[in-house]
C-alpha cells in the first residue's frame, strides 16, 4: 500500500519536530538518526524516505527550529505590535523556562556552536535563521540592525552562561545582567 503525500508530509513533519527539539537539547554530534527516529515514533529505516542524509535533516531542522521562533514572534507582532513583540521575545528568551527547556528554545543558543564547527554544511540555514531573528529584533534600518545584533548576541551569550552554570547564583546573575544591558 502506497503512502499518500499528505501522510508522508505529516510523517516528515513529525521527524523534523523531533529533530529540531533534540538538536537544541543535545547538539548535532550527540543526536543520532536512530535516537531521533525513535523520538518521532518511527524505525530507523524510514529515515531515508524523507532525507538524503543527516546533514540534509539538520539543515531542514535548523530551518524548522528558526521557523518556530519566527512564527511566534510574527503572531505576537500581529496582535500587539512590533515593540511589544520585541519586549515579549526578550522576556521569554531571558527566562528560567528557556534556560531549563532548551529543546523548545533558540537554536543559536541550543546548537549554534555545533553548526559553526561544520560551516560548510549548515551555514546557509543558520545565517538565514539568524537574519530573520535580527530583522524582527530591530527592523532593517542600519541603527536598529546594530541594536538587534547586539540584543541577539547578549541574549545568546546569557543563555549559554546560564545553562552552563547549573543552579549556581551565576545562572540568575547572567540573566539579570543581560536584561539590564539590553539595548
N, C-alpha and C. Protein backbone atom coordinates (compact mmCIF):
# COMPACT_ATOMS: atom_id res chain seq x y z
N UNK A 1 0.84 -1.18 0.00
CA UNK A 1 0.00 0.00 0.00
C UNK A 1 0.88 1.24 0.00
N UNK A 2 0.63 2.14 -0.91
CA UNK A 2 1.42 3.36 -1.02
C UNK A 2 0.91 4.40 -0.04
N UNK A 3 1.84 5.12 0.53
CA UNK A 3 1.50 6.18 1.48
C UNK A 3 1.11 7.43 0.70
N UNK A 4 0.07 8.07 1.13
CA UNK A 4 -0.36 9.29 0.45
C UNK A 4 0.65 10.41 0.70
N UNK A 5 0.64 11.41 -0.15
CA UNK A 5 1.53 12.56 0.01
C UNK A 5 1.26 13.27 1.33
N UNK A 6 0.01 13.34 1.70
CA UNK A 6 -0.35 14.00 2.95
C UNK A 6 0.23 13.24 4.14
N UNK A 7 0.10 11.92 4.14
CA UNK A 7 0.65 11.11 5.23
C UNK A 7 2.17 11.22 5.26
N UNK A 8 2.81 11.26 4.10
CA UNK A 8 4.26 11.41 4.03
C UNK A 8 4.68 12.76 4.61
N UNK A 9 3.95 13.79 4.27
CA UNK A 9 4.26 15.13 4.80
C UNK A 9 4.09 15.18 6.31
N UNK A 10 3.06 14.54 6.83
CA UNK A 10 2.83 14.50 8.28
C UNK A 10 3.97 13.76 8.97
N UNK A 11 4.39 12.66 8.39
CA UNK A 11 5.49 11.88 8.96
C UNK A 11 6.78 12.68 8.95
N UNK A 12 7.06 13.34 7.84
CA UNK A 12 8.26 14.16 7.75
C UNK A 12 8.22 15.28 8.78
N UNK A 13 7.08 15.91 8.96
CA UNK A 13 6.94 16.98 9.95
C UNK A 13 7.22 16.44 11.35
N UNK A 14 6.74 15.23 11.65
CA UNK A 14 6.97 14.61 12.96
C UNK A 14 8.47 14.39 13.18
N UNK A 15 9.18 13.94 12.15
CA UNK A 15 10.63 13.74 12.25
C UNK A 15 11.33 15.08 12.45
N UNK A 16 10.94 16.08 11.67
CA UNK A 16 11.57 17.40 11.79
C UNK A 16 11.33 18.01 13.17
N UNK A 17 10.14 17.86 13.70
CA UNK A 17 9.84 18.38 15.04
C UNK A 17 10.73 17.71 16.09
N UNK A 18 10.85 16.39 15.99
CA UNK A 18 11.71 15.66 16.94
C UNK A 18 13.16 16.09 16.77
N UNK A 19 13.61 16.23 15.54
CA UNK A 19 15.00 16.63 15.28
C UNK A 19 15.28 18.03 15.79
N UNK A 20 14.38 18.97 15.51
CA UNK A 20 14.59 20.35 15.96
C UNK A 20 14.70 20.40 17.49
N UNK A 21 13.85 19.65 18.17
CA UNK A 21 13.88 19.62 19.63
C UNK A 21 15.18 18.97 20.13
N UNK A 22 15.51 17.79 19.59
CA UNK A 22 16.68 17.06 20.06
C UNK A 22 17.98 17.79 19.75
N UNK A 23 18.07 18.43 18.61
CA UNK A 23 19.28 19.18 18.28
C UNK A 23 19.50 20.31 19.28
N UNK A 24 18.43 20.98 19.68
CA UNK A 24 18.55 22.07 20.66
C UNK A 24 18.89 21.52 22.04
N UNK A 25 18.45 20.33 22.35
CA UNK A 25 18.74 19.71 23.65
C UNK A 25 20.15 19.12 23.71
N UNK A 26 20.56 18.43 22.63
CA UNK A 26 21.79 17.64 22.66
C UNK A 26 22.92 18.17 21.81
N UNK A 27 22.60 18.94 20.78
CA UNK A 27 23.60 19.33 19.80
C UNK A 27 23.59 18.37 18.61
N UNK A 28 24.31 18.72 17.59
CA UNK A 28 24.30 17.94 16.35
C UNK A 28 25.01 16.61 16.52
N UNK A 29 26.22 16.64 17.03
CA UNK A 29 27.02 15.41 17.13
C UNK A 29 26.39 14.38 18.05
N UNK A 30 25.72 14.84 19.10
CA UNK A 30 25.16 13.91 20.09
C UNK A 30 23.76 13.42 19.72
N UNK A 31 23.26 13.84 18.57
CA UNK A 31 21.94 13.41 18.12
C UNK A 31 22.10 12.40 16.98
N UNK A 32 21.75 11.18 17.24
CA UNK A 32 21.88 10.16 16.20
C UNK A 32 20.56 10.02 15.45
N UNK A 33 20.65 9.53 14.24
CA UNK A 33 19.46 9.27 13.44
C UNK A 33 18.55 8.27 14.16
N UNK A 34 19.14 7.24 14.72
CA UNK A 34 18.34 6.22 15.42
C UNK A 34 17.58 6.83 16.59
N UNK A 35 18.24 7.69 17.38
CA UNK A 35 17.57 8.32 18.52
C UNK A 35 16.42 9.23 18.09
N UNK A 36 16.66 10.01 17.06
CA UNK A 36 15.59 10.94 16.66
C UNK A 36 14.44 10.22 15.98
N UNK A 37 14.72 9.15 15.26
CA UNK A 37 13.63 8.37 14.68
C UNK A 37 12.81 7.71 15.77
N UNK A 38 13.47 7.22 16.81
CA UNK A 38 12.76 6.64 17.94
C UNK A 38 11.91 7.71 18.62
N UNK A 39 12.46 8.92 18.80
CA UNK A 39 11.70 10.02 19.41
C UNK A 39 10.49 10.40 18.57
N UNK A 40 10.59 10.22 17.25
CA UNK A 40 9.48 10.51 16.35
C UNK A 40 8.51 9.33 16.26
N UNK A 41 8.81 8.24 16.96
CA UNK A 41 7.95 7.07 16.96
C UNK A 41 8.07 6.23 15.70
N UNK A 42 9.27 6.23 15.11
CA UNK A 42 9.47 5.52 13.85
C UNK A 42 10.71 4.64 13.92
N UNK A 43 10.85 3.78 12.93
CA UNK A 43 12.02 2.92 12.82
C UNK A 43 13.09 3.64 12.01
N UNK A 44 14.32 3.29 12.30
CA UNK A 44 15.48 3.91 11.67
C UNK A 44 15.43 3.83 10.14
N UNK A 45 14.96 2.72 9.61
CA UNK A 45 14.95 2.51 8.16
C UNK A 45 14.10 3.50 7.39
N UNK A 46 13.12 4.09 8.02
CA UNK A 46 12.25 5.05 7.33
C UNK A 46 12.88 6.41 7.10
N UNK A 47 14.02 6.64 7.72
CA UNK A 47 14.67 7.94 7.62
C UNK A 47 14.94 8.35 6.17
N UNK A 48 15.49 7.45 5.39
CA UNK A 48 15.92 7.79 4.03
C UNK A 48 14.78 7.96 3.04
N UNK A 49 13.56 7.69 3.47
CA UNK A 49 12.41 8.02 2.63
C UNK A 49 12.15 9.52 2.63
N UNK A 50 12.69 10.21 3.65
CA UNK A 50 12.39 11.62 3.84
C UNK A 50 13.61 12.53 3.70
N UNK A 51 14.82 12.00 3.92
CA UNK A 51 16.02 12.82 3.93
C UNK A 51 17.15 12.09 3.22
N UNK A 52 18.01 12.87 2.54
CA UNK A 52 19.14 12.28 1.83
C UNK A 52 20.25 11.84 2.78
N UNK A 53 20.40 12.59 3.89
CA UNK A 53 21.49 12.34 4.82
C UNK A 53 21.18 13.04 6.14
N UNK A 54 22.02 12.80 7.14
CA UNK A 54 21.86 13.50 8.40
C UNK A 54 22.03 15.01 8.18
N UNK A 55 22.97 15.40 7.33
CA UNK A 55 23.20 16.82 7.05
C UNK A 55 21.95 17.46 6.46
N UNK A 56 21.28 16.74 5.56
CA UNK A 56 20.03 17.23 4.96
C UNK A 56 18.98 17.43 6.05
N UNK A 57 18.84 16.46 6.93
CA UNK A 57 17.89 16.57 8.04
C UNK A 57 18.24 17.77 8.92
N UNK A 58 19.51 17.92 9.28
CA UNK A 58 19.91 19.01 10.17
C UNK A 58 19.61 20.36 9.52
N UNK A 59 19.92 20.52 8.24
CA UNK A 59 19.59 21.78 7.55
C UNK A 59 18.09 22.07 7.64
N UNK A 60 17.28 21.07 7.38
CA UNK A 60 15.84 21.27 7.44
C UNK A 60 15.35 21.50 8.87
N UNK A 61 15.97 20.83 9.83
CA UNK A 61 15.60 21.02 11.24
C UNK A 61 16.01 22.41 11.72
N UNK A 62 17.13 22.92 11.24
CA UNK A 62 17.54 24.29 11.56
C UNK A 62 16.47 25.26 11.09
N UNK A 63 16.05 25.11 9.84
CA UNK A 63 15.01 25.98 9.29
C UNK A 63 13.72 25.85 10.10
N UNK A 64 13.39 24.64 10.50
CA UNK A 64 12.18 24.41 11.28
C UNK A 64 12.26 25.06 12.65
N UNK A 65 13.40 24.91 13.33
CA UNK A 65 13.58 25.49 14.66
C UNK A 65 13.50 27.01 14.61
N UNK A 66 14.17 27.61 13.64
CA UNK A 66 14.07 29.07 13.49
C UNK A 66 12.65 29.46 13.11
N UNK A 67 12.03 28.66 12.25
CA UNK A 67 10.66 28.95 11.83
C UNK A 67 9.69 29.02 12.99
N UNK A 68 9.86 28.13 13.97
CA UNK A 68 9.01 28.17 15.17
C UNK A 68 9.14 29.50 15.89
N UNK A 69 10.39 29.94 16.09
CA UNK A 69 10.65 31.19 16.81
C UNK A 69 10.10 32.39 16.03
N UNK A 70 10.30 32.39 14.73
CA UNK A 70 9.84 33.49 13.89
C UNK A 70 8.31 33.54 13.86
N UNK A 71 7.67 32.41 13.73
CA UNK A 71 6.21 32.36 13.70
C UNK A 71 5.61 32.91 14.99
N UNK A 72 6.20 32.53 16.13
CA UNK A 72 5.70 33.04 17.41
C UNK A 72 5.89 34.55 17.50
N UNK A 73 7.03 35.04 17.06
CA UNK A 73 7.27 36.49 17.06
C UNK A 73 6.26 37.20 16.17
N UNK A 74 6.09 36.70 14.95
CA UNK A 74 5.18 37.33 14.00
C UNK A 74 3.74 37.35 14.49
N UNK A 75 3.32 36.26 15.13
CA UNK A 75 1.96 36.21 15.67
C UNK A 75 1.77 37.27 16.75
N UNK A 76 2.75 37.41 17.62
CA UNK A 76 2.65 38.42 18.68
C UNK A 76 2.70 39.82 18.08
N UNK A 77 3.56 40.02 17.08
CA UNK A 77 3.66 41.33 16.42
C UNK A 77 2.32 41.71 15.80
N UNK A 78 1.69 40.76 15.14
CA UNK A 78 0.39 41.00 14.50
C UNK A 78 -0.65 41.40 15.54
N UNK A 79 -0.60 40.78 16.69
CA UNK A 79 -1.59 41.01 17.73
C UNK A 79 -1.31 42.27 18.56
N UNK A 80 -0.02 42.49 18.90
CA UNK A 80 0.31 43.54 19.86
C UNK A 80 1.23 44.64 19.35
N UNK A 81 1.77 44.49 18.16
CA UNK A 81 2.68 45.50 17.61
C UNK A 81 4.14 45.09 17.77
N UNK A 82 4.99 45.77 17.00
CA UNK A 82 6.41 45.40 16.93
C UNK A 82 7.14 45.55 18.26
N UNK A 83 7.01 46.68 18.92
CA UNK A 83 7.75 46.90 20.18
C UNK A 83 7.32 45.91 21.25
N UNK A 84 6.04 45.63 21.35
CA UNK A 84 5.55 44.65 22.33
C UNK A 84 6.08 43.26 21.99
N UNK A 85 6.16 42.93 20.71
CA UNK A 85 6.68 41.63 20.30
C UNK A 85 8.16 41.49 20.65
N UNK A 86 8.91 42.56 20.42
CA UNK A 86 10.34 42.54 20.76
C UNK A 86 10.50 42.35 22.27
N UNK A 87 9.78 43.14 23.06
CA UNK A 87 9.86 43.05 24.51
C UNK A 87 9.49 41.65 25.01
N UNK A 88 8.42 41.10 24.47
CA UNK A 88 7.98 39.76 24.88
C UNK A 88 9.01 38.71 24.47
N UNK A 89 9.60 38.86 23.30
CA UNK A 89 10.62 37.92 22.85
C UNK A 89 11.80 37.92 23.81
N UNK A 90 12.28 39.11 24.17
CA UNK A 90 13.40 39.23 25.09
C UNK A 90 13.05 38.64 26.45
N UNK A 91 11.87 38.96 26.97
CA UNK A 91 11.46 38.44 28.28
C UNK A 91 11.36 36.91 28.28
N UNK A 92 10.81 36.36 27.22
CA UNK A 92 10.68 34.91 27.12
C UNK A 92 12.05 34.26 26.96
N UNK A 93 12.90 34.88 26.15
CA UNK A 93 14.24 34.35 25.91
C UNK A 93 15.03 34.32 27.21
N UNK A 94 15.02 35.43 27.93
CA UNK A 94 15.81 35.55 29.16
C UNK A 94 14.97 35.13 30.37
N UNK A 95 14.49 33.91 30.32
CA UNK A 95 13.62 33.40 31.39
C UNK A 95 14.15 32.06 31.89
N UNK A 96 13.81 31.71 33.14
CA UNK A 96 14.18 30.39 33.65
C UNK A 96 13.63 29.25 32.79
N UNK A 97 12.46 29.42 32.22
CA UNK A 97 11.88 28.37 31.38
C UNK A 97 12.75 28.09 30.16
N UNK A 98 13.30 29.14 29.54
CA UNK A 98 14.17 28.95 28.39
C UNK A 98 15.47 28.28 28.81
N UNK A 99 15.99 28.66 29.98
CA UNK A 99 17.21 28.02 30.49
C UNK A 99 16.95 26.52 30.68
N UNK A 100 15.83 26.19 31.28
CA UNK A 100 15.53 24.80 31.65
C UNK A 100 15.04 23.92 30.51
N UNK A 101 14.56 24.51 29.43
CA UNK A 101 13.97 23.74 28.34
C UNK A 101 14.57 24.12 26.98
N UNK A 102 15.83 23.79 26.76
CA UNK A 102 16.47 24.17 25.51
C UNK A 102 15.83 23.55 24.27
N UNK A 103 15.15 22.44 24.42
CA UNK A 103 14.54 21.78 23.28
C UNK A 103 13.45 22.59 22.61
N UNK A 104 12.93 23.59 23.32
CA UNK A 104 11.88 24.44 22.76
C UNK A 104 12.37 25.86 22.57
N UNK A 105 13.66 26.06 22.71
CA UNK A 105 14.22 27.41 22.68
C UNK A 105 14.94 27.76 21.41
N UNK A 106 15.84 28.69 21.55
CA UNK A 106 16.57 29.25 20.42
C UNK A 106 17.61 28.27 19.89
N UNK A 107 17.62 28.05 18.58
CA UNK A 107 18.62 27.16 18.01
C UNK A 107 20.04 27.72 18.09
N UNK A 108 20.18 29.04 18.13
CA UNK A 108 21.53 29.62 18.23
C UNK A 108 22.16 29.22 19.56
N UNK A 109 21.42 29.40 20.64
CA UNK A 109 21.92 29.02 21.96
C UNK A 109 21.98 27.51 22.11
N UNK A 110 21.07 26.80 21.45
CA UNK A 110 21.00 25.35 21.59
C UNK A 110 22.11 24.60 20.90
N UNK A 111 22.42 24.96 19.65
CA UNK A 111 23.45 24.20 18.95
C UNK A 111 24.19 25.02 17.91
N UNK A 112 24.23 26.32 18.12
CA UNK A 112 24.96 27.20 17.21
C UNK A 112 26.44 26.87 17.13
N UNK A 113 27.04 26.54 18.27
CA UNK A 113 28.47 26.21 18.26
C UNK A 113 28.72 24.96 17.43
N UNK A 114 27.85 23.96 17.55
CA UNK A 114 27.99 22.74 16.74
C UNK A 114 27.88 23.07 15.25
N UNK A 115 26.90 23.86 14.91
CA UNK A 115 26.71 24.22 13.50
C UNK A 115 27.91 24.99 12.97
N UNK A 116 28.50 25.81 13.83
CA UNK A 116 29.68 26.57 13.43
C UNK A 116 30.90 25.71 13.16
N UNK A 117 30.96 24.55 13.76
CA UNK A 117 32.08 23.65 13.54
C UNK A 117 32.03 23.01 12.15
N UNK A 118 30.85 22.96 11.58
CA UNK A 118 30.68 22.38 10.24
C UNK A 118 30.00 23.41 9.35
N UNK A 119 30.66 24.55 9.20
CA UNK A 119 30.07 25.68 8.47
C UNK A 119 29.64 25.32 7.06
N UNK A 120 30.41 24.50 6.40
CA UNK A 120 30.08 24.13 5.02
C UNK A 120 28.68 23.56 4.91
N UNK A 121 28.31 22.71 5.86
CA UNK A 121 27.04 22.01 5.78
C UNK A 121 25.86 22.85 6.25
N UNK A 122 26.07 23.75 7.24
CA UNK A 122 24.93 24.36 7.91
C UNK A 122 24.87 25.88 7.86
N UNK A 123 25.91 26.53 7.37
CA UNK A 123 25.96 28.00 7.42
C UNK A 123 24.76 28.66 6.75
N UNK A 124 24.39 28.18 5.59
CA UNK A 124 23.27 28.81 4.87
C UNK A 124 21.99 28.82 5.68
N UNK A 125 21.64 27.69 6.25
CA UNK A 125 20.41 27.60 7.04
C UNK A 125 20.52 28.42 8.32
N UNK A 126 21.68 28.39 8.96
CA UNK A 126 21.84 29.13 10.20
C UNK A 126 21.83 30.63 9.96
N UNK A 127 22.54 31.08 8.94
CA UNK A 127 22.57 32.52 8.65
C UNK A 127 21.17 33.01 8.29
N UNK A 128 20.45 32.25 7.49
CA UNK A 128 19.08 32.66 7.13
C UNK A 128 18.21 32.80 8.38
N UNK A 129 18.32 31.86 9.30
CA UNK A 129 17.55 31.92 10.54
C UNK A 129 17.95 33.09 11.41
N UNK A 130 19.25 33.31 11.55
CA UNK A 130 19.70 34.44 12.38
C UNK A 130 19.32 35.77 11.75
N UNK A 131 19.41 35.87 10.43
CA UNK A 131 19.00 37.10 9.75
C UNK A 131 17.51 37.39 10.00
N UNK A 132 16.70 36.36 9.98
CA UNK A 132 15.27 36.54 10.25
C UNK A 132 15.05 37.04 11.68
N UNK A 133 15.81 36.50 12.63
CA UNK A 133 15.71 36.98 14.01
C UNK A 133 16.17 38.43 14.13
N UNK A 134 17.30 38.74 13.52
CA UNK A 134 17.82 40.11 13.57
C UNK A 134 16.81 41.09 12.98
N UNK A 135 16.22 40.72 11.87
CA UNK A 135 15.22 41.58 11.24
C UNK A 135 14.06 41.86 12.19
N UNK A 136 13.62 40.85 12.88
CA UNK A 136 12.48 41.03 13.79
C UNK A 136 12.87 41.77 15.06
N UNK A 137 14.09 41.58 15.52
CA UNK A 137 14.52 42.23 16.75
C UNK A 137 14.92 43.69 16.54
N UNK A 138 15.01 44.12 15.28
CA UNK A 138 15.43 45.50 15.08
C UNK A 138 14.99 46.16 13.79
N UNK A 139 14.37 45.44 12.91
CA UNK A 139 13.99 46.05 11.65
C UNK A 139 15.17 46.14 10.70
N UNK A 140 15.03 46.92 9.67
CA UNK A 140 16.04 46.94 8.62
C UNK A 140 16.89 48.21 8.58
N UNK A 141 16.57 49.22 9.38
CA UNK A 141 17.41 50.42 9.36
C UNK A 141 18.77 50.09 9.99
N UNK A 142 19.86 50.70 9.50
CA UNK A 142 21.20 50.36 9.99
C UNK A 142 21.35 50.52 11.50
N UNK A 143 20.81 51.57 12.09
CA UNK A 143 20.93 51.77 13.53
C UNK A 143 20.20 50.68 14.30
N UNK A 144 19.03 50.34 13.87
CA UNK A 144 18.26 49.31 14.56
C UNK A 144 18.86 47.93 14.32
N UNK A 145 19.46 47.71 13.17
CA UNK A 145 20.09 46.42 12.89
C UNK A 145 21.23 46.18 13.88
N UNK A 146 22.05 47.18 14.11
CA UNK A 146 23.15 47.02 15.04
C UNK A 146 22.64 46.71 16.45
N UNK A 147 21.59 47.40 16.87
CA UNK A 147 20.99 47.11 18.18
C UNK A 147 20.43 45.68 18.22
N UNK A 148 19.83 45.25 17.13
CA UNK A 148 19.25 43.91 17.07
C UNK A 148 20.34 42.84 17.17
N UNK A 149 21.45 43.06 16.50
CA UNK A 149 22.57 42.12 16.58
C UNK A 149 23.13 42.10 17.99
N UNK A 150 23.29 43.28 18.58
CA UNK A 150 23.76 43.37 19.97
C UNK A 150 22.80 42.63 20.90
N UNK A 151 21.52 42.84 20.70
CA UNK A 151 20.48 42.18 21.51
C UNK A 151 20.59 40.65 21.38
N UNK A 152 20.68 40.16 20.15
CA UNK A 152 20.78 38.72 19.92
C UNK A 152 22.03 38.14 20.58
N UNK A 153 23.16 38.80 20.39
CA UNK A 153 24.41 38.31 20.98
C UNK A 153 24.34 38.30 22.51
N UNK A 154 23.78 39.32 23.08
CA UNK A 154 23.65 39.39 24.54
C UNK A 154 22.73 38.28 25.06
N UNK A 155 21.63 38.06 24.38
CA UNK A 155 20.70 37.00 24.81
C UNK A 155 21.31 35.62 24.69
N UNK A 156 21.95 35.34 23.55
CA UNK A 156 22.54 34.02 23.33
C UNK A 156 23.66 33.77 24.34
N UNK A 157 24.52 34.76 24.52
CA UNK A 157 25.60 34.61 25.49
C UNK A 157 25.08 34.37 26.90
N UNK A 158 24.07 35.12 27.31
CA UNK A 158 23.49 34.95 28.64
C UNK A 158 22.89 33.56 28.79
N UNK A 159 22.24 33.07 27.74
CA UNK A 159 21.62 31.75 27.81
C UNK A 159 22.67 30.65 27.96
N UNK A 160 23.75 30.77 27.22
CA UNK A 160 24.82 29.77 27.30
C UNK A 160 25.45 29.78 28.70
N UNK A 161 25.73 30.97 29.22
CA UNK A 161 26.31 31.08 30.56
C UNK A 161 25.33 30.54 31.61
N UNK A 162 24.06 30.91 31.51
CA UNK A 162 23.06 30.46 32.48
C UNK A 162 22.93 28.94 32.47
N UNK A 163 22.88 28.35 31.29
CA UNK A 163 22.76 26.89 31.20
C UNK A 163 24.01 26.19 31.73
N UNK A 164 25.16 26.74 31.45
CA UNK A 164 26.41 26.13 31.89
C UNK A 164 26.62 26.28 33.40
N UNK A 165 25.90 27.21 34.02
CA UNK A 165 26.08 27.50 35.45
C UNK A 165 25.27 26.59 36.36
N UNK A 166 24.45 25.73 35.78
CA UNK A 166 23.62 24.86 36.60
C UNK A 166 22.68 25.70 37.46
N UNK A 167 22.63 25.40 38.74
CA UNK A 167 21.76 26.15 39.63
C UNK A 167 22.55 27.06 40.56
N UNK A 168 23.75 27.43 40.12
CA UNK A 168 24.56 28.35 40.92
C UNK A 168 23.99 29.77 40.80
N UNK A 169 24.39 30.67 41.67
CA UNK A 169 23.92 32.06 41.57
C UNK A 169 24.25 32.71 40.22
N UNK A 170 25.31 32.26 39.57
CA UNK A 170 25.69 32.85 38.28
C UNK A 170 24.58 32.71 37.25
N UNK A 171 23.81 31.67 37.35
CA UNK A 171 22.70 31.46 36.41
C UNK A 171 21.76 32.67 36.40
N UNK A 172 21.25 33.04 37.55
CA UNK A 172 20.32 34.18 37.64
C UNK A 172 21.04 35.50 37.38
N UNK A 173 22.30 35.60 37.79
CA UNK A 173 23.05 36.83 37.55
C UNK A 173 23.27 37.07 36.06
N UNK A 174 23.51 36.01 35.30
CA UNK A 174 23.71 36.16 33.85
C UNK A 174 22.42 36.66 33.19
N UNK A 175 21.30 36.10 33.58
CA UNK A 175 20.01 36.52 33.02
C UNK A 175 19.72 37.98 33.39
N UNK A 176 19.93 38.32 34.65
CA UNK A 176 19.68 39.68 35.11
C UNK A 176 20.60 40.69 34.41
N UNK A 177 21.88 40.34 34.29
CA UNK A 177 22.84 41.24 33.62
C UNK A 177 22.45 41.47 32.16
N UNK A 178 22.01 40.42 31.49
CA UNK A 178 21.59 40.57 30.10
C UNK A 178 20.37 41.47 30.00
N UNK A 179 19.41 41.26 30.88
CA UNK A 179 18.22 42.13 30.88
C UNK A 179 18.61 43.58 31.12
N UNK A 180 19.50 43.81 32.07
CA UNK A 180 19.92 45.17 32.41
C UNK A 180 20.70 45.84 31.28
N UNK A 181 21.44 45.04 30.52
CA UNK A 181 22.27 45.59 29.45
C UNK A 181 21.59 45.64 28.08
N UNK A 182 20.31 45.29 28.02
CA UNK A 182 19.59 45.18 26.75
C UNK A 182 19.46 46.56 26.11
N UNK A 183 19.82 46.66 24.82
CA UNK A 183 19.65 47.95 24.12
C UNK A 183 18.19 48.32 23.91
